Amino acid sequence: MRIYPLPFRTLPAAVCIAVLAAGCALPSRAPRAPAGDAPQLDVRRFPQIDAAIDAAVDAHKLPGAVFHLEHGDAVYEQAYGRLTYDDDAASVTTATVYDAASLTKVLATAPSVLVLAEQGRIGLDDKLVKYFPECANGGKETITIRQLLTHSSGLPAGLPKDPDWRGRAAAHKLACEQTVTHAPGTFFRYSDINYILLGQIVEKVTGTPLDDYAQSHIFAPLRMQNTGYLPLRRVDAEAIAPTQLGRDDGKGAHGDLAPGELLRGVVHDPTVRRMGGVAGSAGVFTTVGDVARYARMLLAGGVLDGVRILSPQSVRLLTTVQSPPGLARRGLGMDIDSPYAKRPRGSVFPVGSYGHTGFTGCVLWVDPGSRAFYVFLSNRVYPDDKSNVLDLYTRMGTLAAQAAGVD
């Protein structure tokens, strides 16, 4: 049974003492609401949020999840379910580490590119071929960094699986062999190739692997202590939610897992696995608290706890419409109003709010108008990639906005 306390600061002292004396369990971070006109959360929405996620767990749409909603100093954070569907599986906690999948694009790659742009080491309107002359074929000669960031390059959605290949060099060669399907700047297609190339540009310009660069320039200064690529280098496997389990026929959902082989602390994305676990498109693992720190930094104009990560201009570029006119509206990283935005935005957060999703079952959505955001991390892909939680995204986005008092 869950307890839904009133915001703790508003409870009379006698009630607080009674709650503590009774030994009632509060959520891992009890909702906080400061007095006065400061942002608050409507605690009446919390049972509805819990019910929506619990129903998805009960329906085996996902084994477990974590949810974080924040509005000013008011916070609601909760963990649900277990790491797998096994009866003896460990319960999810708010410290559980999840494969963030494509949240990598906005947690690591896009901000790394923007940091380099601030330093004058990358020009957002530079052409791809300035950094990789070997990509000058197949209509890619005019692709710019800005077009890669906004998914308007015209490149295909992903690298081919066949013939079998391995390694970052092979991935780069394949990316440079792709032919655009539309003239750059004229068509929106969400493409992992865009961000694979962006990650490789970061490495080319800095001489530093993308995982090390993101660690030193984004995650470490933000004190995102449980965030990064290749998590088994720093986190026990037991703290990580598993993603995929190889099927008995040995084919697996992506055809590369042996029967019974479990992905736990190894990136779920098959292309990034072939690349060794590090790419601009996916590979980052994180916790709900760390993603919340990142969102707070964005709402504060690029700074958190006195440490500046991005300039206000870079935050604006990341989070406001930068795509060519007439195309799906995206920032230089964040989704604002593409077909993928409708579910996590819900029916209340306005266009102009922004965020991103991850294939494994992850959402970050931020509303700069109300200064509210929510984070959802899950392993909905366990055990076979077949679960669909898009309706849950819509429900969570709507309830999060309602709880934050968004009109």
Protein backbone atom coordinates (compact mmCIF):
# COMPACT_ATOMS: atom_id res chain seq x y z
CA MET A 1 0.00 0.00 0.00
CA ARG A 2 1.27 3.47 -0.81
CA ILE A 3 0.76 6.49 1.41
CA TYR A 4 -0.04 9.80 -0.29
CA PRO A 5 0.86 12.43 2.28
CA LEU A 6 0.09 16.08 1.98
CA PRO A 7 3.18 18.14 1.18
CA PHE A 8 5.21 17.63 4.33
CA ARG A 9 5.87 21.31 5.00
CA THR A 10 2.14 22.01 5.15
CA LEU A 11 1.29 19.32 7.72
CA PRO A 12 0.61 20.47 11.29
CA ALA A 13 3.36 19.46 13.71
CA ALA A 14 1.10 17.08 15.59
CA VAL A 15 0.21 15.26 12.36
CA CYS A 16 3.88 14.98 11.37
CA ILE A 17 4.70 13.45 14.73
CA ALA A 18 1.79 11.05 14.43
CA VAL A 19 2.87 9.94 10.96
CA LEU A 20 6.41 9.31 12.13
CA ALA A 21 5.28 7.55 15.29
CA ALA A 22 3.02 5.27 13.28
CA GLY A 23 5.99 4.24 11.14
CA CYS A 24 4.10 4.99 7.92
CA ALA A 25 6.23 4.64 4.81
CA LEU A 26 6.47 7.79 2.74
CA PRO A 27 7.56 7.75 -0.92
CA SER A 28 11.31 7.71 -1.45
CA ARG A 29 11.20 11.47 -1.88
CA ALA A 30 8.08 12.77 -0.16
CA PRO A 31 6.30 15.52 -2.11
CA ARG A 32 7.56 18.93 -1.08
CA ALA A 33 5.64 22.15 -1.55
CA PRO A 34 6.93 25.46 -0.23
CA ALA A 35 4.54 27.99 1.21
CA GLY A 36 3.23 31.02 -0.62
CA ASP A 37 2.99 31.30 -4.37
CA ALA A 38 5.95 29.04 -5.10
CA PRO A 39 5.33 26.14 -7.52
CA GLN A 40 3.51 23.20 -6.00
CA LEU A 41 2.17 19.81 -7.01
CA ASP A 42 -1.39 18.57 -6.74
CA VAL A 43 -1.02 15.47 -4.59
CA ARG A 44 -4.44 14.25 -5.72
CA ARG A 45 -2.84 13.27 -9.03
CA PHE A 46 -0.24 11.00 -7.45
CA PRO A 47 -2.54 7.99 -6.98
CA GLN A 48 -3.58 8.33 -10.64
CA ILE A 49 0.05 8.36 -11.79
CA ASP A 50 0.78 5.32 -9.65
CA ALA A 51 -2.31 3.51 -10.87
CA ALA A 52 -1.36 4.08 -14.52
CA ILE A 53 2.16 2.72 -14.06
CA ASP A 54 1.05 -0.12 -11.78
CA ALA A 55 -1.52 -1.18 -14.38
CA ALA A 56 1.18 -1.35 -17.02
CA VAL A 57 3.34 -3.45 -14.70
CA ASP A 58 0.43 -5.76 -13.88
CA ALA A 59 -0.25 -6.17 -17.61
CA HIS A 60 3.39 -7.14 -18.19
CA LYS A 61 3.97 -4.14 -20.41
CA LEU A 62 7.07 -3.48 -18.35
CA PRO A 63 8.59 -5.20 -15.31
CA GLY A 64 9.18 -1.99 -13.41
CA ALA A 65 9.92 1.71 -13.71
CA VAL A 66 10.83 4.92 -11.93
CA PHE A 67 8.95 8.22 -12.22
CA HIS A 68 10.02 11.71 -11.16
CA LEU A 69 7.88 14.85 -11.34
CA GLU A 70 9.24 18.24 -10.33
CA HIS A 71 7.79 21.74 -10.16
CA GLY A 72 10.06 24.22 -8.46
CA ASP A 73 10.93 22.71 -5.07
CA ALA A 74 7.96 20.35 -5.18
CA VAL A 75 8.98 16.80 -6.07
CA TYR A 76 7.27 13.45 -6.43
CA GLU A 77 9.49 10.45 -7.13
CA GLN A 78 8.47 6.78 -6.99
CA ALA A 79 9.69 3.33 -7.99
CA TYR A 80 7.44 0.55 -9.29
CA GLY A 81 7.63 -3.18 -9.87
CA ARG A 82 10.69 -5.38 -10.19
CA LEU A 83 13.74 -5.63 -12.40
CA THR A 84 12.25 -8.62 -14.25
CA TYR A 85 8.99 -10.60 -14.15
CA ASP A 86 10.51 -13.31 -11.98
CA ASP A 87 8.84 -13.66 -8.58
CA ASP A 88 12.18 -13.44 -6.80
CA ALA A 89 13.49 -10.50 -8.83
CA ALA A 90 14.70 -7.48 -6.88
CA SER A 91 12.38 -4.53 -6.55
CA VAL A 92 13.10 -1.41 -8.57
CA THR A 93 14.40 1.51 -6.50
CA THR A 94 14.93 5.13 -7.40
CA ALA A 95 18.65 4.28 -7.63
CA THR A 96 18.12 1.61 -10.32
CA VAL A 97 20.28 2.24 -13.40
CA TYR A 98 18.51 2.10 -16.76
CA ASP A 99 19.62 1.93 -20.37
CA ALA A 100 18.53 5.38 -21.57
CA ALA A 101 18.66 4.46 -25.29
CA SER A 102 18.04 7.56 -27.42
CA LEU A 103 18.01 9.90 -24.43
CA THR A 104 21.75 9.63 -25.15
CA LYS A 105 21.20 12.03 -28.03
CA VAL A 106 20.14 14.86 -25.70
CA LEU A 107 22.05 13.90 -22.54
CA ALA A 108 25.45 13.42 -24.20
CA THR A 109 25.77 14.08 -27.92
CA ALA A 110 23.85 17.30 -28.60
CA PRO A 111 25.23 19.12 -25.53
CA SER A 112 28.76 17.99 -26.39
CA VAL A 113 28.38 19.44 -29.87
CA LEU A 114 26.98 22.68 -28.42
CA VAL A 115 29.87 23.00 -25.97
CA LEU A 116 32.27 22.73 -28.90
CA ALA A 117 30.22 25.27 -30.85
CA GLU A 118 30.48 27.68 -27.91
CA GLN A 119 34.25 27.26 -28.04
CA GLY A 120 34.33 27.94 -31.77
CA ARG A 121 35.65 24.46 -32.49
CA ILE A 122 32.52 23.42 -34.41
CA GLY A 123 30.33 25.64 -36.59
CA LEU A 124 26.68 24.66 -36.55
CA ASP A 125 26.42 25.48 -40.23
CA ASP A 126 29.66 23.69 -41.08
CA LYS A 127 29.24 20.91 -43.58
CA LEU A 128 29.71 17.30 -42.60
CA VAL A 129 32.42 16.93 -45.25
CA LYS A 130 34.56 19.56 -43.51
CA TYR A 131 35.18 16.97 -40.81
CA PHE A 132 34.80 13.84 -42.92
CA PRO A 133 35.76 14.45 -46.58
CA GLU A 134 35.26 10.72 -47.15
CA CYS A 135 31.50 11.29 -46.80
CA ALA A 136 31.42 13.43 -49.96
CA ASN A 137 29.16 11.20 -52.03
CA GLY A 138 25.54 10.13 -52.28
CA GLY A 139 24.14 13.64 -51.90
CA LYS A 140 25.77 14.21 -48.52
CA GLU A 141 28.03 17.05 -49.67
CA THR A 142 25.74 19.80 -48.36
CA ILE A 143 24.65 18.21 -45.07
CA THR A 144 25.36 20.55 -42.14
CA ILE A 145 25.83 19.97 -38.42
CA ARG A 146 22.53 21.77 -37.84
CA GLN A 147 20.75 19.36 -40.18
CA LEU A 148 22.22 16.36 -38.40
CA LEU A 149 21.04 17.75 -35.05
CA THR A 150 17.49 18.42 -36.31
CA HIS A 151 17.15 15.16 -38.28
CA SER A 152 16.76 17.05 -41.54
CA SER A 153 19.83 15.60 -43.29
CA GLY A 154 17.87 13.28 -45.57
CA LEU A 155 19.91 10.29 -44.40
CA PRO A 156 18.28 6.88 -43.76
CA ALA A 157 17.06 5.99 -40.28
CA GLY A 158 19.79 3.53 -39.40
CA LEU A 159 22.83 1.59 -40.53
CA PRO A 160 22.26 -1.70 -42.34
CA LYS A 161 22.71 -4.92 -40.36
CA ASP A 162 23.99 -6.96 -43.29
CA PRO A 163 26.57 -7.98 -44.16
CA ASP A 164 27.75 -8.49 -40.59
CA TRP A 165 30.10 -5.78 -39.37
CA ARG A 166 31.80 -4.75 -36.11
CA GLY A 167 33.57 -1.69 -34.75
CA ARG A 168 33.40 2.09 -34.92
CA ALA A 169 35.49 2.29 -38.06
CA ALA A 170 33.10 -0.05 -39.86
CA ALA A 171 30.14 2.01 -38.64
CA HIS A 172 31.75 5.18 -39.93
CA LYS A 173 32.45 3.62 -43.31
CA LEU A 174 28.83 2.46 -43.57
CA ALA A 175 27.52 5.88 -42.59
CA CYS A 176 29.66 7.53 -45.25
CA GLU A 177 28.37 5.08 -47.84
CA GLN A 178 24.72 6.02 -47.30
CA THR A 179 22.82 7.98 -49.92
CA VAL A 180 20.35 10.67 -48.96
CA THR A 181 16.74 9.99 -49.88
CA HIS A 182 15.81 13.68 -49.90
CA ALA A 183 17.79 16.86 -50.39
CA PRO A 184 19.29 17.95 -47.06
CA GLY A 185 17.12 20.50 -45.30
CA THR A 186 13.90 19.50 -47.07
CA PHE A 187 12.68 16.42 -45.18
CA PHE A 188 12.38 15.21 -41.59
CA ARG A 189 13.37 11.67 -40.75
CA TYR A 190 14.49 10.62 -37.28
CA SER A 191 17.87 9.00 -37.93
CA ASP A 192 20.40 7.30 -35.68
CA ILE A 193 22.97 7.83 -38.43
CA ASN A 194 22.75 11.58 -37.83
CA TYR A 195 23.84 11.18 -34.22
CA ILE A 196 26.38 8.46 -34.89
CA LEU A 197 28.12 10.94 -37.18
CA LEU A 198 27.77 13.75 -34.62
CA GLY A 199 29.41 11.60 -31.97
CA GLN A 200 32.24 10.84 -34.36
CA ILE A 201 32.65 14.55 -35.11
CA VAL A 202 33.07 15.21 -31.37
CA GLU A 203 35.79 12.57 -31.30
CA LYS A 204 37.47 13.94 -34.44
CA VAL A 205 37.54 17.53 -33.16
CA THR A 206 38.62 16.79 -29.61
CA GLY A 207 40.77 13.71 -30.08
CA THR A 208 38.82 12.25 -27.16
CA PRO A 209 36.37 9.33 -27.22
CA LEU A 210 32.77 10.49 -26.96
CA ASP A 211 32.18 8.69 -23.66
CA ASP A 212 35.17 10.40 -22.05
CA TYR A 213 34.24 13.80 -23.47
CA ALA A 214 30.64 13.61 -22.26
CA GLN A 215 31.82 12.41 -18.87
CA SER A 216 34.25 15.27 -18.36
CA HIS A 217 32.12 18.07 -19.85
CA ILE A 218 28.53 17.08 -19.02
CA PHE A 219 28.09 14.29 -16.49
CA ALA A 220 30.90 14.97 -14.01
CA PRO A 221 30.40 18.74 -13.67
CA LEU A 222 26.64 18.16 -13.31
CA ARG A 223 27.33 15.54 -10.63
CA MET A 224 25.37 12.95 -12.60
CA GLN A 225 27.29 10.32 -10.66
CA ASN A 226 25.45 7.28 -12.01
CA THR A 227 25.38 8.34 -15.66
CA GLY A 228 27.65 7.32 -18.50
CA TYR A 229 28.49 4.78 -21.14
CA LEU A 230 29.68 1.24 -20.38
CA PRO A 231 28.15 1.14 -16.88
CA LEU A 232 29.76 -2.12 -15.82
CA ARG A 233 33.02 -0.18 -15.45
CA ARG A 234 31.55 1.61 -12.40
CA VAL A 235 28.25 -0.05 -11.36
CA ASP A 236 27.43 -3.54 -10.11
CA ALA A 237 25.28 -5.45 -12.59
CA GLU A 238 22.68 -6.03 -9.87
CA ALA A 239 21.95 -2.29 -9.81
CA ILE A 240 21.11 -2.23 -13.54
CA ALA A 241 17.74 -3.12 -15.03
CA PRO A 242 18.16 -5.84 -17.68
CA THR A 243 16.72 -5.27 -21.13
CA GLN A 244 16.61 -8.22 -23.50
CA LEU A 245 16.71 -11.98 -23.04
CA GLY A 246 17.77 -14.29 -25.87
CA ARG A 247 14.93 -16.52 -27.03
CA ASP A 248 15.02 -20.28 -27.02
CA ASP A 249 15.35 -20.37 -30.80
CA GLY A 250 18.60 -18.45 -30.47
CA LYS A 251 17.52 -15.68 -32.78
CA GLY A 252 16.52 -13.02 -30.27
CA ALA A 253 14.63 -9.89 -31.30
CA HIS A 254 17.74 -8.61 -33.06
CA GLY A 255 19.14 -11.97 -34.08
CA ASP A 256 22.38 -11.67 -32.13
CA LEU A 257 21.59 -13.09 -28.68
CA ALA A 258 22.13 -16.69 -27.70
CA PRO A 259 19.32 -18.54 -25.92
CA GLY A 260 19.16 -17.32 -22.34
CA GLU A 261 21.70 -14.55 -22.90
CA LEU A 262 20.68 -11.51 -20.86
CA LEU A 263 21.61 -7.93 -21.67
CA ARG A 264 22.35 -6.26 -18.35
CA GLY A 265 24.71 -3.32 -18.38
CA VAL A 266 25.33 -3.89 -22.09
CA VAL A 267 23.59 -1.47 -24.42
CA HIS A 268 20.34 -2.76 -25.88
CA ASP A 269 20.69 -0.97 -29.23
CA PRO A 270 22.18 -3.59 -31.60
CA THR A 271 24.03 -1.07 -33.77
CA VAL A 272 25.70 0.50 -30.75
CA ARG A 273 26.55 -2.97 -29.40
CA ARG A 274 28.39 -3.63 -32.65
CA MET A 275 30.24 -0.35 -32.08
CA GLY A 276 31.44 -1.42 -28.65
CA GLY A 277 28.79 0.30 -26.56
CA VAL A 278 29.62 3.94 -27.31
CA ALA A 279 27.90 6.04 -29.97
CA GLY A 280 26.19 9.37 -30.37
CA SER A 281 22.83 7.69 -30.91
CA ALA A 282 22.60 5.47 -27.80
CA GLY A 283 24.68 3.84 -25.08
CA VAL A 284 24.21 6.03 -22.01
CA PHE A 285 22.91 4.44 -18.79
CA THR A 286 21.48 6.64 -16.04
CA THR A 287 19.21 7.03 -13.03
CA VAL A 288 16.07 9.08 -12.60
CA GLY A 289 17.79 11.46 -10.18
CA ASP A 290 20.61 12.17 -12.60
CA VAL A 291 18.23 12.96 -15.46
CA ALA A 292 16.36 15.28 -13.11
CA ARG A 293 19.60 17.16 -12.46
CA TYR A 294 20.05 17.59 -16.20
CA ALA A 295 16.51 18.96 -16.56
CA ARG A 296 17.07 21.40 -13.69
CA MET A 297 20.20 22.65 -15.43
CA LEU A 298 18.24 23.36 -18.61
CA LEU A 299 15.50 25.23 -16.74
CA ALA A 300 18.19 27.29 -14.99
CA GLY A 301 19.64 28.42 -18.31
CA GLY A 302 22.57 26.01 -18.41
CA VAL A 303 23.84 26.22 -14.83
CA LEU A 304 23.26 24.09 -11.73
CA ASP A 305 24.68 24.47 -8.22
CA GLY A 306 26.89 27.29 -9.43
CA VAL A 307 28.46 25.22 -12.23
CA ARG A 308 27.81 26.27 -15.80
CA ILE A 309 27.43 23.44 -18.30
CA LEU A 310 25.90 25.25 -21.30
CA SER A 311 25.49 28.88 -22.17
CA PRO A 312 21.94 30.30 -22.21
CA GLN A 313 22.28 30.49 -26.00
CA SER A 314 23.14 26.80 -26.22
CA VAL A 315 20.14 25.92 -24.04
CA ARG A 316 17.97 27.97 -26.37
CA LEU A 317 19.34 26.18 -29.42
CA LEU A 318 18.87 22.78 -27.78
CA THR A 319 15.29 23.39 -26.67
CA THR A 320 13.58 25.75 -29.12
CA VAL A 321 12.63 25.30 -32.77
CA GLN A 322 15.70 25.25 -35.02
CA SER A 323 14.51 22.96 -37.79
CA PRO A 324 13.93 24.23 -41.35
CA PRO A 325 10.54 25.88 -41.95
CA GLY A 326 7.78 23.46 -42.78
CA LEU A 327 9.44 20.44 -41.15
CA ALA A 328 8.73 18.75 -37.82
CA ARG A 329 9.64 21.24 -35.13
CA ARG A 330 12.76 20.28 -33.20
CA GLY A 331 15.58 22.00 -31.41
CA LEU A 332 19.22 21.11 -31.90
CA GLY A 333 18.49 17.90 -30.05
CA MET A 334 15.16 18.15 -28.26
CA ASP A 335 11.83 17.20 -29.81
CA ILE A 336 9.19 19.91 -29.67
CA ASP A 337 6.44 19.05 -32.13
CA SER A 338 7.31 16.06 -34.28
CA PRO A 339 5.06 13.00 -34.54
CA TYR A 340 7.13 11.47 -31.72
CA ALA A 341 6.32 14.32 -29.31
CA LYS A 342 2.58 13.84 -29.02
CA ARG A 343 2.66 10.85 -26.65
CA PRO A 344 5.13 12.08 -23.99
CA ARG A 345 3.76 15.63 -24.13
CA GLY A 346 0.28 14.37 -23.28
CA SER A 347 -2.83 16.45 -23.79
CA VAL A 348 -2.02 19.36 -21.44
CA PHE A 349 1.63 20.40 -21.78
CA PRO A 350 1.74 22.99 -24.57
CA VAL A 351 3.65 22.94 -27.83
CA GLY A 352 6.82 24.70 -26.82
CA SER A 353 7.50 22.18 -24.10
CA TYR A 354 10.27 19.84 -25.14
CA GLY A 355 11.91 16.51 -24.46
CA HIS A 356 12.92 13.17 -25.85
CA THR A 357 12.16 9.48 -25.55
CA GLY A 358 14.24 6.31 -25.58
CA PHE A 359 13.37 3.01 -27.23
CA THR A 360 13.89 1.06 -23.99
CA GLY A 361 10.97 2.91 -22.39
CA CYS A 362 12.35 6.27 -21.23
CA VAL A 363 11.01 9.83 -21.28
CA LEU A 364 12.29 13.27 -20.36
CA TRP A 365 9.75 16.06 -20.86
CA VAL A 366 10.20 19.69 -19.79
CA ASP A 367 7.79 22.63 -19.85
CA PRO A 368 9.73 25.91 -19.63
CA GLY A 369 6.50 27.90 -19.23
CA SER A 370 5.47 26.27 -15.97
CA ARG A 371 9.04 25.20 -15.13
CA ALA A 372 7.84 21.65 -14.54
CA PHE A 373 9.27 18.41 -15.88
CA TYR A 374 8.93 14.68 -15.55
CA VAL A 375 11.30 11.77 -16.05
CA PHE A 376 10.28 8.16 -16.66
CA LEU A 377 12.77 5.30 -16.95
CA SER A 378 11.85 1.68 -17.58
CA ASN A 379 12.97 -1.53 -19.26
CA ARG A 380 9.79 -2.08 -21.25
CA VAL A 381 11.89 -4.01 -23.82
CA TYR A 382 12.37 -6.88 -21.36
CA PRO A 383 12.37 -9.66 -22.37
CA ASP A 384 11.63 -9.51 -26.11
CA ASP A 385 11.04 -5.93 -27.34
CA LYS A 386 7.36 -6.65 -27.94
CA SER A 387 5.72 -4.40 -25.34
CA ASN A 388 4.12 -1.08 -26.31
CA VAL A 389 3.82 1.64 -23.67
CA LEU A 390 2.94 4.63 -25.86
CA ASP A 391 -0.49 4.98 -24.26
CA LEU A 392 1.22 5.08 -20.86
CA TYR A 393 3.41 7.93 -22.09
CA THR A 394 0.30 9.93 -22.98
CA ARG A 395 -1.29 9.23 -19.62
CA MET A 396 1.84 10.17 -17.69
CA GLY A 397 2.41 13.35 -19.69
CA THR A 398 -1.16 14.45 -19.11
CA LEU A 399 -1.19 13.65 -15.39
CA ALA A 400 2.23 15.25 -14.86
CA ALA A 401 1.00 18.49 -16.40
CA GLN A 402 -2.21 18.40 -14.36
CA ALA A 403 -0.28 17.75 -11.15
CA ALA A 404 1.93 20.76 -11.93
CA GLY A 405 -1.12 22.96 -12.48
CA VAL A 406 -0.46 23.53 -16.17
CA ASP A 407 -3.55 25.04 -17.80
